[in-house]
PDB file of all heavy atoms in Angstrom:
ATOM      1  N   SER A   1       2.549   1.753   4.122  1.00  0.00           N
ATOM      2  CA  SER A   1       2.580   3.257   4.304  1.00  0.00           C
ATOM      3  C   SER A   1       1.412   3.559   5.278  1.00  0.00           C
ATOM      4  O   SER A   1       0.418   2.876   5.273  1.00  0.00           O
ATOM      5  CB  SER A   1       2.352   3.959   2.936  1.00  0.00           C
ATOM      6  OG  SER A   1       1.123   3.536   2.367  1.00  0.00           O
ATOM      7  N   VAL A   2       1.675   4.509   6.055  1.00  0.00           N
ATOM      8  CA  VAL A   2       0.687   4.962   7.109  1.00  0.00           C
ATOM      9  C   VAL A   2       0.595   6.444   7.060  1.00  0.00           C
ATOM     10  O   VAL A   2       1.328   7.198   6.406  1.00  0.00           O
ATOM     11  CB  VAL A   2       1.032   4.508   8.507  1.00  0.00           C
ATOM     12  CG1 VAL A   2       1.097   2.947   8.529  1.00  0.00           C
ATOM     13  CG2 VAL A   2       2.488   5.025   8.879  1.00  0.00           C
ATOM     14  N   THR A   3      -0.406   6.993   7.823  1.00  0.00           N
ATOM     15  CA  THR A   3      -0.609   8.439   7.849  1.00  0.00           C
ATOM     16  C   THR A   3       0.711   9.084   8.415  1.00  0.00           C
ATOM     17  O   THR A   3       1.214   8.694   9.506  1.00  0.00           O
ATOM     18  CB  THR A   3      -1.783   8.808   8.769  1.00  0.00           C
ATOM     19  OG1 THR A   3      -2.937   8.122   8.231  1.00  0.00           O
ATOM     20  CG2 THR A   3      -2.016  10.295   8.819  1.00  0.00           C
ATOM     21  N   GLY A   4       1.210  10.043   7.717  1.00  0.00           N
ATOM     22  CA  GLY A   4       2.417  10.688   8.182  1.00  0.00           C
ATOM     23  C   GLY A   4       3.706  10.001   7.591  1.00  0.00           C
ATOM     24  O   GLY A   4       4.788  10.624   7.748  1.00  0.00           O
ATOM     25  N   ARG A   5       3.535   8.910   6.989  1.00  0.00           N
ATOM     26  CA  ARG A   5       4.717   8.215   6.419  1.00  0.00           C
ATOM     27  C   ARG A   5       4.208   7.549   5.044  1.00  0.00           C
ATOM     28  O   ARG A   5       3.873   6.423   5.003  1.00  0.00           O
ATOM     29  CB  ARG A   5       5.332   7.240   7.306  1.00  0.00           C
ATOM     30  CG  ARG A   5       6.711   6.674   6.852  1.00  0.00           C
ATOM     31  CD  ARG A   5       7.444   5.970   7.969  1.00  0.00           C
ATOM     32  NE  ARG A   5       8.781   5.567   7.582  1.00  0.00           N
ATOM     33  CZ  ARG A   5       9.108   4.356   7.221  1.00  0.00           C
ATOM     34  NH1 ARG A   5       8.223   3.362   7.210  1.00  0.00           N
ATOM     35  NH2 ARG A   5      10.329   4.075   6.865  1.00  0.00           N
ATOM     36  N   SER A   6       4.212   8.376   4.013  1.00  0.00           N
ATOM     37  CA  SER A   6       3.733   7.932   2.718  1.00  0.00           C
ATOM     38  C   SER A   6       4.681   7.050   1.978  1.00  0.00           C
ATOM     39  O   SER A   6       5.865   6.893   2.361  1.00  0.00           O
ATOM     40  CB  SER A   6       3.411   9.140   1.856  1.00  0.00           C
ATOM     41  OG  SER A   6       4.601   9.822   1.524  1.00  0.00           O
ATOM     42  N   ALA A   7       4.130   6.444   0.895  1.00  0.00           N
ATOM     43  CA  ALA A   7       5.071   5.599   0.028  1.00  0.00           C
ATOM     44  C   ALA A   7       6.153   6.464  -0.519  1.00  0.00           C
ATOM     45  O   ALA A   7       7.301   5.941  -0.562  1.00  0.00           O
ATOM     46  CB  ALA A   7       4.192   5.072  -1.162  1.00  0.00           C
ATOM     47  N   ARG A   8       5.914   7.723  -0.804  1.00  0.00           N
ATOM     48  CA  ARG A   8       6.945   8.595  -1.328  1.00  0.00           C
ATOM     49  C   ARG A   8       8.107   8.724  -0.245  1.00  0.00           C
ATOM     50  O   ARG A   8       9.299   8.691  -0.543  1.00  0.00           O
ATOM     51  CB  ARG A   8       6.386   9.970  -1.779  1.00  0.00           C
ATOM     52  CG  ARG A   8       7.379  10.846  -2.469  1.00  0.00           C
ATOM     53  CD  ARG A   8       6.713  12.101  -2.931  1.00  0.00           C
ATOM     54  NE  ARG A   8       5.729  11.822  -4.030  1.00  0.00           N
ATOM     55  CZ  ARG A   8       4.401  11.911  -3.834  1.00  0.00           C
ATOM     56  NH1 ARG A   8       3.897  12.312  -2.690  1.00  0.00           N
ATOM     57  NH2 ARG A   8       3.570  11.607  -4.801  1.00  0.00           N
ATOM     58  N   GLN A   9       7.729   8.984   0.953  1.00  0.00           N
ATOM     59  CA  GLN A   9       8.696   9.199   2.077  1.00  0.00           C
ATOM     60  C   GLN A   9       9.439   7.916   2.367  1.00  0.00           C
ATOM     61  O   GLN A   9      10.692   7.951   2.585  1.00  0.00           O
ATOM     62  CB  GLN A   9       7.886   9.634   3.341  1.00  0.00           C
ATOM     63  CG  GLN A   9       7.355  11.050   3.221  1.00  0.00           C
ATOM     64  CD  GLN A   9       6.464  11.362   4.363  1.00  0.00           C
ATOM     65  OE1 GLN A   9       5.586  10.515   4.798  1.00  0.00           O
ATOM     66  NE2 GLN A   9       6.572  12.585   5.028  1.00  0.00           N
ATOM     67  N   ILE A  10       8.796   6.779   2.295  1.00  0.00           N
ATOM     68  CA  ILE A  10       9.452   5.457   2.540  1.00  0.00           C
ATOM     69  C   ILE A  10      10.463   5.249   1.442  1.00  0.00           C
ATOM     70  O   ILE A  10      11.637   4.824   1.775  1.00  0.00           O
ATOM     71  CB  ILE A  10       8.425   4.333   2.597  1.00  0.00           C
ATOM     72  CG1 ILE A  10       7.542   4.435   3.840  1.00  0.00           C
ATOM     73  CG2 ILE A  10       9.075   3.004   2.528  1.00  0.00           C
ATOM     74  CD1 ILE A  10       6.301   3.564   3.833  1.00  0.00           C
ATOM     75  N   LEU A  11      10.157   5.455   0.238  1.00  0.00           N
ATOM     76  CA  LEU A  11      11.074   5.143  -0.840  1.00  0.00           C
ATOM     77  C   LEU A  11      12.180   6.150  -0.879  1.00  0.00           C
ATOM     78  O   LEU A  11      13.323   5.881  -1.281  1.00  0.00           O
ATOM     79  CB  LEU A  11      10.359   5.053  -2.156  1.00  0.00           C
ATOM     80  CG  LEU A  11       9.387   3.898  -2.302  1.00  0.00           C
ATOM     81  CD1 LEU A  11       8.764   3.863  -3.685  1.00  0.00           C
ATOM     82  CD2 LEU A  11      10.072   2.561  -2.024  1.00  0.00           C
ATOM     83  N   ALA A  12      11.912   7.431  -0.497  1.00  0.00           N
ATOM     84  CA  ALA A  12      12.954   8.438  -0.401  1.00  0.00           C
ATOM     85  C   ALA A  12      14.011   8.077   0.577  1.00  0.00           C
ATOM     86  O   ALA A  12      15.240   8.257   0.390  1.00  0.00           O
ATOM     87  CB  ALA A  12      12.321   9.773  -0.054  1.00  0.00           C
ATOM     88  N   GLU A  13      13.573   7.489   1.725  1.00  0.00           N
ATOM     89  CA  GLU A  13      14.550   6.978   2.757  1.00  0.00           C
ATOM     90  C   GLU A  13      15.444   5.889   2.153  1.00  0.00           C
ATOM     91  O   GLU A  13      16.625   5.862   2.398  1.00  0.00           O
ATOM     92  CB  GLU A  13      13.772   6.495   3.950  1.00  0.00           C
ATOM     93  CG  GLU A  13      13.028   7.627   4.754  1.00  0.00           C
ATOM     94  CD  GLU A  13      12.099   7.031   5.798  1.00  0.00           C
ATOM     95  OE1 GLU A  13      12.096   5.783   6.051  1.00  0.00           O
ATOM     96  OE2 GLU A  13      11.387   7.805   6.448  1.00  0.00           O
ATOM     97  N   ILE A  14      14.812   5.032   1.463  1.00  0.00           N
ATOM     98  CA  ILE A  14      15.608   3.864   0.850  1.00  0.00           C
ATOM     99  C   ILE A  14      16.570   4.383  -0.230  1.00  0.00           C
ATOM    100  O   ILE A  14      17.763   3.925  -0.229  1.00  0.00           O
ATOM    101  CB  ILE A  14      14.594   2.841   0.221  1.00  0.00           C
ATOM    102  CG1 ILE A  14      13.793   2.155   1.276  1.00  0.00           C
ATOM    103  CG2 ILE A  14      15.399   1.807  -0.628  1.00  0.00           C
ATOM    104  CD1 ILE A  14      12.630   1.357   0.716  1.00  0.00           C
ATOM    105  N   VAL A  15      16.163   5.314  -1.016  1.00  0.00           N
ATOM    106  CA  VAL A  15      17.041   5.886  -2.043  1.00  0.00           C
ATOM    107  C   VAL A  15      18.298   6.586  -1.330  1.00  0.00           C
ATOM    108  O   VAL A  15      19.408   6.407  -1.718  1.00  0.00           O
ATOM    109  CB  VAL A  15      16.272   6.950  -2.858  1.00  0.00           C
ATOM    110  CG1 VAL A  15      17.270   7.832  -3.702  1.00  0.00           C
ATOM    111  CG2 VAL A  15      15.330   6.279  -3.811  1.00  0.00           C
ATOM    112  N   LYS A  16      17.985   7.243  -0.246  1.00  0.00           N
ATOM    113  CA  LYS A  16      19.114   7.922   0.497  1.00  0.00           C
ATOM    114  C   LYS A  16      20.040   6.880   1.177  1.00  0.00           C
ATOM    115  O   LYS A  16      21.195   6.977   1.057  1.00  0.00           O
ATOM    116  CB  LYS A  16      18.524   8.875   1.550  1.00  0.00           C
ATOM    117  CG  LYS A  16      19.565   9.676   2.247  1.00  0.00           C
ATOM    118  CD  LYS A  16      18.884  10.675   3.183  1.00  0.00           C
ATOM    119  CE  LYS A  16      19.985  11.515   4.009  1.00  0.00           C
ATOM    120  NZ  LYS A  16      19.277  12.486   4.863  1.00  0.00           N
ATOM    121  N   GLU A  17      19.434   5.891   1.837  1.00  0.00           N
ATOM    122  CA  GLU A  17      20.190   4.871   2.550  1.00  0.00           C
ATOM    123  C   GLU A  17      21.100   4.100   1.644  1.00  0.00           C
ATOM    124  O   GLU A  17      22.218   3.742   1.887  1.00  0.00           O
ATOM    125  CB  GLU A  17      19.274   3.971   3.272  1.00  0.00           C
ATOM    126  CG  GLU A  17      18.553   4.620   4.442  1.00  0.00           C
ATOM    127  CD  GLU A  17      17.458   3.725   5.062  1.00  0.00           C
ATOM    128  OE1 GLU A  17      17.242   2.600   4.544  1.00  0.00           O
ATOM    129  OE2 GLU A  17      16.808   4.118   6.006  1.00  0.00           O
ATOM    130  N   ARG A  18      20.553   3.836   0.438  1.00  0.00           N
ATOM    131  CA  ARG A  18      21.230   2.995  -0.551  1.00  0.00           C
ATOM    132  C   ARG A  18      22.241   3.825  -1.428  1.00  0.00           C
ATOM    133  O   ARG A  18      22.983   3.235  -2.203  1.00  0.00           O
ATOM    134  CB  ARG A  18      20.273   2.229  -1.434  1.00  0.00           C
ATOM    135  CG  ARG A  18      19.339   1.318  -0.679  1.00  0.00           C
ATOM    136  CD  ARG A  18      19.908  -0.110  -0.643  1.00  0.00           C
ATOM    137  NE  ARG A  18      19.266  -0.980   0.293  1.00  0.00           N
ATOM    138  CZ  ARG A  18      19.341  -2.240   0.250  1.00  0.00           C
ATOM    139  NH1 ARG A  18      20.055  -2.884  -0.654  1.00  0.00           N
ATOM    140  NH2 ARG A  18      18.686  -2.976   1.213  1.00  0.00           N
ATOM    141  N   GLY A  19      22.143   5.098  -1.301  1.00  0.00           N
ATOM    142  CA  GLY A  19      22.994   5.950  -2.079  1.00  0.00           C
ATOM    143  C   GLY A  19      22.688   5.879  -3.592  1.00  0.00           C
ATOM    144  O   GLY A  19      23.654   5.976  -4.427  1.00  0.00           O
ATOM    145  N   LEU A  20      21.486   5.741  -3.963  1.00  0.00           N
ATOM    146  CA  LEU A  20      21.088   5.649  -5.396  1.00  0.00           C
ATOM    147  C   LEU A  20      21.210   6.989  -6.029  1.00  0.00           C
ATOM    148  O   LEU A  20      20.606   7.975  -5.537  1.00  0.00           O
ATOM    149  CB  LEU A  20      19.649   5.059  -5.486  1.00  0.00           C
ATOM    150  CG  LEU A  20      19.433   3.690  -4.733  1.00  0.00           C
ATOM    151  CD1 LEU A  20      17.969   3.296  -4.885  1.00  0.00           C
ATOM    152  CD2 LEU A  20      20.312   2.640  -5.360  1.00  0.00           C
ATOM    153  N   LYS A  21      21.859   7.021  -7.127  1.00  0.00           N
ATOM    154  CA  LYS A  21      22.148   8.312  -7.769  1.00  0.00           C
ATOM    155  C   LYS A  21      21.246   8.609  -8.942  1.00  0.00           C
ATOM    156  O   LYS A  21      20.927   9.793  -9.218  1.00  0.00           O
ATOM    157  CB  LYS A  21      23.650   8.354  -8.263  1.00  0.00           C
ATOM    158  CG  LYS A  21      24.628   8.200  -7.137  1.00  0.00           C
ATOM    159  CD  LYS A  21      24.542   9.198  -6.078  1.00  0.00           C
ATOM    160  CE  LYS A  21      25.585   9.062  -4.971  1.00  0.00           C
ATOM    161  NZ  LYS A  21      25.396   9.977  -3.880  1.00  0.00           N
ATOM    162  N   LYS A  22      20.808   7.577  -9.681  1.00  0.00           N
ATOM    163  CA  LYS A  22      20.036   7.749 -10.878  1.00  0.00           C
ATOM    164  C   LYS A  22      18.903   6.778 -10.888  1.00  0.00           C
ATOM    165  O   LYS A  22      19.035   5.595 -10.896  1.00  0.00           O
ATOM    166  CB  LYS A  22      20.833   7.627 -12.153  1.00  0.00           C
ATOM    167  CG  LYS A  22      20.294   8.193 -13.433  1.00  0.00           C
ATOM    168  CD  LYS A  22      21.265   8.139 -14.547  1.00  0.00           C
ATOM    169  CE  LYS A  22      20.744   8.745 -15.762  1.00  0.00           C
ATOM    170  NZ  LYS A  22      21.715   8.753 -16.910  1.00  0.00           N
ATOM    171  N   VAL A  23      17.644   7.331 -10.824  1.00  0.00           N
ATOM    172  CA  VAL A  23      16.483   6.453 -10.728  1.00  0.00           C
ATOM    173  C   VAL A  23      15.552   6.636 -11.897  1.00  0.00           C
ATOM    174  O   VAL A  23      15.223   7.821 -12.235  1.00  0.00           O
ATOM    175  CB  VAL A  23      15.732   6.696  -9.383  1.00  0.00           C
ATOM    176  CG1 VAL A  23      14.367   5.924  -9.343  1.00  0.00           C
ATOM    177  CG2 VAL A  23      16.612   6.358  -8.216  1.00  0.00           C
ATOM    178  N   GLY A  24      15.071   5.583 -12.505  1.00  0.00           N
ATOM    179  CA  GLY A  24      14.198   5.722 -13.611  1.00  0.00           C
ATOM    180  C   GLY A  24      12.729   5.900 -13.194  1.00  0.00           C
ATOM    181  O   GLY A  24      12.323   5.471 -12.143  1.00  0.00           O
ATOM    182  N   PHE A  25      11.944   6.594 -14.001  1.00  0.00           N
ATOM    183  CA  PHE A  25      10.497   6.682 -13.742  1.00  0.00           C
ATOM    184  C   PHE A  25       9.776   6.545 -15.037  1.00  0.00           C
ATOM    185  O   PHE A  25      10.339   6.549 -16.140  1.00  0.00           O
ATOM    186  CB  PHE A  25      10.190   8.045 -13.070  1.00  0.00           C
ATOM    187  CG  PHE A  25      10.232   9.227 -14.004  1.00  0.00           C
ATOM    188  CD1 PHE A  25       9.074   9.763 -14.516  1.00  0.00           C
ATOM    189  CD2 PHE A  25      11.482   9.815 -14.340  1.00  0.00           C
ATOM    190  CE1 PHE A  25       9.087  10.831 -15.399  1.00  0.00           C
ATOM    191  CE2 PHE A  25      11.497  10.919 -15.231  1.00  0.00           C
ATOM    192  CZ  PHE A  25      10.349  11.440 -15.769  1.00  0.00           C
ATOM    193  N   GLU A  26       8.385   6.423 -15.000  1.00  0.00           N
ATOM    194  CA  GLU A  26       7.520   6.154 -16.130  1.00  0.00           C
ATOM    195  C   GLU A  26       6.876   7.543 -16.549  1.00  0.00           C
ATOM    196  O   GLU A  26       5.871   7.844 -15.975  1.00  0.00           O
ATOM    197  CB  GLU A  26       6.498   5.181 -15.794  1.00  0.00           C
ATOM    198  CG  GLU A  26       6.961   4.016 -14.943  1.00  0.00           C
ATOM    199  CD  GLU A  26       5.913   3.690 -13.839  1.00  0.00           C
ATOM    200  OE1 GLU A  26       5.550   4.679 -13.078  1.00  0.00           O
ATOM    201  OE2 GLU A  26       5.562   2.497 -13.680  1.00  0.00           O
ATOM    202  N   ALA A  27       7.438   8.143 -17.482  1.00  0.00           N
ATOM    203  CA  ALA A  27       6.884   9.424 -17.947  1.00  0.00           C
ATOM    204  C   ALA A  27       5.429   9.227 -18.562  1.00  0.00           C
ATOM    205  O   ALA A  27       4.680  10.169 -18.494  1.00  0.00           O
ATOM    206  CB  ALA A  27       7.765  10.055 -19.101  1.00  0.00           C
ATOM    207  N   GLN A  28       5.162   8.034 -19.076  1.00  0.00           N
ATOM    208  CA  GLN A  28       3.860   7.800 -19.695  1.00  0.00           C
ATOM    209  C   GLN A  28       2.718   7.864 -18.646  1.00  0.00           C
ATOM    210  O   GLN A  28       1.559   8.049 -19.005  1.00  0.00           O
ATOM    211  CB  GLN A  28       3.811   6.426 -20.403  1.00  0.00           C
ATOM    212  CG  GLN A  28       4.944   6.208 -21.417  1.00  0.00           C
ATOM    213  CD  GLN A  28       6.045   5.435 -20.768  1.00  0.00           C
ATOM    214  OE1 GLN A  28       6.487   5.686 -19.655  1.00  0.00           O
ATOM    215  NE2 GLN A  28       6.676   4.597 -21.570  1.00  0.00           N
ATOM    216  N   TYR A  29       3.075   7.598 -17.414  1.00  0.00           N
ATOM    217  CA  TYR A  29       2.036   7.486 -16.358  1.00  0.00           C
ATOM    218  C   TYR A  29       2.086   8.575 -15.334  1.00  0.00           C
ATOM    219  O   TYR A  29       1.049   8.860 -14.687  1.00  0.00           O
ATOM    220  CB  TYR A  29       2.113   6.081 -15.667  1.00  0.00           C
ATOM    221  CG  TYR A  29       1.815   4.967 -16.553  1.00  0.00           C
ATOM    222  CD1 TYR A  29       2.851   4.197 -17.203  1.00  0.00           C
ATOM    223  CD2 TYR A  29       0.472   4.596 -16.755  1.00  0.00           C
ATOM    224  CE1 TYR A  29       2.657   3.110 -18.005  1.00  0.00           C
ATOM    225  CE2 TYR A  29       0.251   3.489 -17.589  1.00  0.00           C
ATOM    226  CZ  TYR A  29       1.247   2.811 -18.227  1.00  0.00           C
ATOM    227  OH  TYR A  29       0.939   1.720 -18.985  1.00  0.00           O
ATOM    228  N   MET A  30       3.175   9.257 -15.196  1.00  0.00           N
ATOM    229  CA  MET A  30       3.330  10.225 -14.088  1.00  0.00           C
ATOM    230  C   MET A  30       2.965  11.620 -14.557  1.00  0.00           C
ATOM    231  O   MET A  30       3.370  12.128 -15.598  1.00  0.00           O
ATOM    232  CB  MET A  30       4.750  10.265 -13.577  1.00  0.00           C
ATOM    233  CG  MET A  30       5.000  11.071 -12.313  1.00  0.00           C
ATOM    234  SD  MET A  30       6.701  10.911 -11.705  1.00  0.00           S
ATOM    235  CE  MET A  30       6.743   9.229 -11.168  1.00  0.00           C
ATOM    236  N   THR A  31       2.014  12.245 -13.813  1.00  0.00           N
ATOM    237  CA  THR A  31       1.675  13.649 -14.101  1.00  0.00           C
ATOM    238  C   THR A  31       2.813  14.571 -13.780  1.00  0.00           C
ATOM    239  O   THR A  31       3.728  14.235 -13.049  1.00  0.00           O
ATOM    240  CB  THR A  31       0.389  14.047 -13.347  1.00  0.00           C
ATOM    241  OG1 THR A  31       0.703  14.135 -11.950  1.00  0.00           O
ATOM    242  CG2 THR A  31      -0.720  13.077 -13.562  1.00  0.00           C
ATOM    243  N   VAL A  32       2.675  15.774 -14.238  1.00  0.00           N
ATOM    244  CA  VAL A  32       3.720  16.824 -13.963  1.00  0.00           C
ATOM    245  C   VAL A  32       3.711  17.012 -12.466  1.00  0.00           C
ATOM    246  O   VAL A  32       4.852  17.217 -11.852  1.00  0.00           O
ATOM    247  CB  VAL A  32       3.393  18.135 -14.751  1.00  0.00           C
ATOM    248  CG1 VAL A  32       4.322  19.280 -14.279  1.00  0.00           C
ATOM    249  CG2 VAL A  32       3.520  17.917 -16.279  1.00  0.00           C
ATOM    250  N   GLU A  33       2.565  17.126 -11.788  1.00  0.00           N
ATOM    251  CA  GLU A  33       2.520  17.372 -10.364  1.00  0.00           C
ATOM    252  C   GLU A  33       3.180  16.250  -9.593  1.00  0.00           C
ATOM    253  O   GLU A  33       3.960  16.443  -8.691  1.00  0.00           O
ATOM    254  CB  GLU A  33       1.065  17.497  -9.950  1.00  0.00           C
ATOM    255  CG  GLU A  33       0.833  17.756  -8.461  1.00  0.00           C
ATOM    256  CD  GLU A  33       1.477  19.040  -7.915  1.00  0.00           C
ATOM    257  OE1 GLU A  33       1.791  19.940  -8.779  1.00  0.00           O
ATOM    258  OE2 GLU A  33       1.746  19.117  -6.714  1.00  0.00           O
ATOM    259  N   GLU A  34       2.909  15.003 -10.009  1.00  0.00           N
ATOM    260  CA  GLU A  34       3.507  13.826  -9.388  1.00  0.00           C
ATOM    261  C   GLU A  34       4.974  13.871  -9.503  1.00  0.00           C
ATOM    262  O   GLU A  34       5.791  13.631  -8.563  1.00  0.00           O
ATOM    263  CB  GLU A  34       2.909  12.569  -9.944  1.00  0.00           C
ATOM    264  CG  GLU A  34       1.531  12.253  -9.507  1.00  0.00           C
ATOM    265  CD  GLU A  34       0.897  11.115 -10.235  1.00  0.00           C
ATOM    266  OE1 GLU A  34       1.338  10.805 -11.349  1.00  0.00           O
ATOM    267  OE2 GLU A  34      -0.058  10.500  -9.736  1.00  0.00           O
ATOM    268  N   TYR A  35       5.458  14.245 -10.704  1.00  0.00           N
ATOM    269  CA  TYR A  35       6.877  14.269 -10.984  1.00  0.00           C
ATOM    270  C   TYR A  35       7.559  15.325 -10.091  1.00  0.00           C
ATOM    271  O   TYR A  35       8.632  15.010  -9.455  1.00  0.00           O
ATOM    272  CB  TYR A  35       7.174  14.643 -12.425  1.00  0.00           C
ATOM    273  CG  TYR A  35       8.703  14.854 -12.747  1.00  0.00           C
ATOM    274  CD1 TYR A  35       9.521  13.793 -12.941  1.00  0.00           C
ATOM    275  CD2 TYR A  35       9.163  16.094 -12.718  1.00  0.00           C
ATOM    276  CE1 TYR A  35      10.831  14.017 -13.170  1.00  0.00           C
ATOM    277  CE2 TYR A  35      10.548  16.304 -13.031  1.00  0.00           C
ATOM    278  CZ  TYR A  35      11.353  15.234 -13.164  1.00  0.00           C
ATOM    279  OH  TYR A  35      12.726  15.398 -13.389  1.00  0.00           O
ATOM    280  N   ARG A  36       6.964  16.426  -9.892  1.00  0.00           N
ATOM    281  CA  ARG A  36       7.550  17.489  -9.061  1.00  0.00           C
ATOM    282  C   ARG A  36       7.632  17.023  -7.636  1.00  0.00           C
ATOM    283  O   ARG A  36       8.623  17.306  -6.933  1.00  0.00           O
ATOM    284  CB  ARG A  36       6.661  18.743  -9.128  1.00  0.00           C
ATOM    285  CG  ARG A  36       6.810  19.480 -10.482  1.00  0.00           C
ATOM    286  CD  ARG A  36       5.784  20.634 -10.606  1.00  0.00           C
ATOM    287  NE  ARG A  36       6.011  21.352 -11.831  1.00  0.00           N
ATOM    288  CZ  ARG A  36       5.114  22.161 -12.360  1.00  0.00           C
ATOM    289  NH1 ARG A  36       3.924  22.365 -11.790  1.00  0.00           N
ATOM    290  NH2 ARG A  36       5.330  22.783 -13.515  1.00  0.00           N
ATOM    291  N   LEU A  37       6.656  16.274  -7.122  1.00  0.00           N
ATOM    292  CA  LEU A  37       6.620  15.746  -5.747  1.00  0.00           C
ATOM    293  C   LEU A  37       7.700  14.708  -5.608  1.00  0.00           C
ATOM    294  O   LEU A  37       8.453  14.714  -4.531  1.00  0.00           O
ATOM    295  CB  LEU A  37       5.235  15.154  -5.376  1.00  0.00           C
ATOM    296  CG  LEU A  37       4.096  16.180  -5.322  1.00  0.00           C
ATOM    297  CD1 LEU A  37       2.775  15.485  -5.097  1.00  0.00           C
ATOM    298  CD2 LEU A  37       4.361  17.128  -4.092  1.00  0.00           C
ATOM    299  N   TRP A  38       7.835  13.782  -6.568  1.00  0.00           N
ATOM    300  CA  TRP A  38       8.889  12.821  -6.467  1.00  0.00           C
ATOM    301  C   TRP A  38      10.303  13.451  -6.537  1.00  0.00           C
ATOM    302  O   TRP A  38      11.192  13.095  -5.880  1.00  0.00           O
ATOM    303  CB  TRP A  38       8.725  11.716  -7.522  1.00  0.00           C
ATOM    304  CG  TRP A  38       7.734  10.745  -7.194  1.00  0.00           C
ATOM    305  CD1 TRP A  38       6.480  10.636  -7.730  1.00  0.00           C
ATOM    306  CD2 TRP A  38       7.825   9.652  -6.268  1.00  0.00           C
ATOM    307  NE1 TRP A  38       5.740   9.562  -7.157  1.00  0.00           N
ATOM    308  CE2 TRP A  38       6.607   8.961  -6.266  1.00  0.00           C
ATOM    309  CE3 TRP A  38       8.826   9.220  -5.433  1.00  0.00           C
ATOM    310  CZ2 TRP A  38       6.377   7.829  -5.511  1.00  0.00           C
ATOM    311  CZ3 TRP A  38       8.621   8.091  -4.655  1.00  0.00           C
ATOM    312  CH2 TRP A  38       7.374   7.380  -4.629  1.00  0.00           C
ATOM    313  N   GLU A  39      10.450  14.389  -7.456  1.00  0.00           N
ATOM    314  CA  GLU A  39      11.719  15.105  -7.696  1.00  0.00           C
ATOM    315  C   GLU A  39      12.187  15.764  -6.363  1.00  0.00           C
ATOM    316  O   GLU A  39      13.356  15.791  -5.991  1.00  0.00           O
ATOM    317  CB  GLU A  39      11.581  16.140  -8.798  1.00  0.00           C
ATOM    318  CG  GLU A  39      12.907  16.785  -9.151  1.00  0.00           C
ATOM    319  CD  GLU A  39      12.782  17.755 -10.270  1.00  0.00           C
ATOM    320  OE1 GLU A  39      11.769  18.480 -10.292  1.00  0.00           O
ATOM    321  OE2 GLU A  39      13.625  17.830 -11.148  1.00  0.00           O
ATOM    322  N   LYS A  40      11.192  16.355  -5.667  1.00  0.00           N
ATOM    323  CA  LYS A  40      11.465  17.109  -4.437  1.00  0.00           C
ATOM    324  C   LYS A  40      11.829  16.098  -3.330  1.00  0.00           C
ATOM    325  O   LYS A  40      12.688  16.434  -2.482  1.00  0.00           O
ATOM    326  CB  LYS A  40      10.210  17.969  -3.981  1.00  0.00           C
ATOM    327  CG  LYS A  40      10.474  18.744  -2.772  1.00  0.00           C
ATOM    328  CD  LYS A  40       9.211  19.562  -2.462  1.00  0.00           C
ATOM    329  CE  LYS A  40       9.420  20.422  -1.179  1.00  0.00           C
ATOM    330  NZ  LYS A  40       8.176  21.179  -0.874  1.00  0.00           N
ATOM    331  N   ALA A  41      11.190  14.958  -3.328  1.00  0.00           N
ATOM    332  CA  ALA A  41      11.432  13.981  -2.215  1.00  0.00           C
ATOM    333  C   ALA A  41      12.653  13.185  -2.330  1.00  0.00           C
ATOM    334  O   ALA A  41      13.296  12.907  -1.351  1.00  0.00           O
ATOM    335  CB  ALA A  41      10.195  13.042  -2.166  1.00  0.00           C
ATOM    336  N   LEU A  42      13.027  12.869  -3.582  1.00  0.00           N
ATOM    337  CA  LEU A  42      14.161  11.915  -3.848  1.00  0.00           C
ATOM    338  C   LEU A  42      15.451  12.698  -3.985  1.00  0.00           C
ATOM    339  O   LEU A  42      15.512  13.552  -4.816  1.00  0.00           O
ATOM    340  CB  LEU A  42      13.909  11.046  -5.061  1.00  0.00           C
ATOM    341  CG  LEU A  42      12.624  10.145  -4.988  1.00  0.00           C
ATOM    342  CD1 LEU A  42      12.588   9.330  -6.300  1.00  0.00           C
ATOM    343  CD2 LEU A  42      12.610   9.300  -3.787  1.00  0.00           C
ATOM    344  N   GLU A  43      16.492  12.254  -3.278  1.00  0.00           N
ATOM    345  CA  GLU A  43      17.773  12.925  -3.384  1.00  0.00           C
ATOM    346  C   GLU A  43      18.603  12.153  -4.424  1.00  0.00           C
ATOM    347  O   GLU A  43      19.526  11.404  -4.139  1.00  0.00           O
ATOM    348  CB  GLU A  43      18.545  12.896  -2.028  1.00  0.00           C
ATOM    349  CG  GLU A  43      17.870  13.693  -0.967  1.00  0.00           C
ATOM    350  CD  GLU A  43      18.620  13.681   0.343  1.00  0.00           C
ATOM    351  OE1 GLU A  43      19.869  13.318   0.245  1.00  0.00           O
ATOM    352  OE2 GLU A  43      18.046  14.088   1.345  1.00  0.00           O
TER     353      GLU A  43
END
């Protein structure tokens, strides 16, 4: 990951390219703010 292309953006591109519909996440570790950012980024 580099400035302007974060890990979140990179993985969002992969999710879109691969047509992934349902992705699991770790509620025990993810904050509410992080969840909102991932939810917004991932289709």
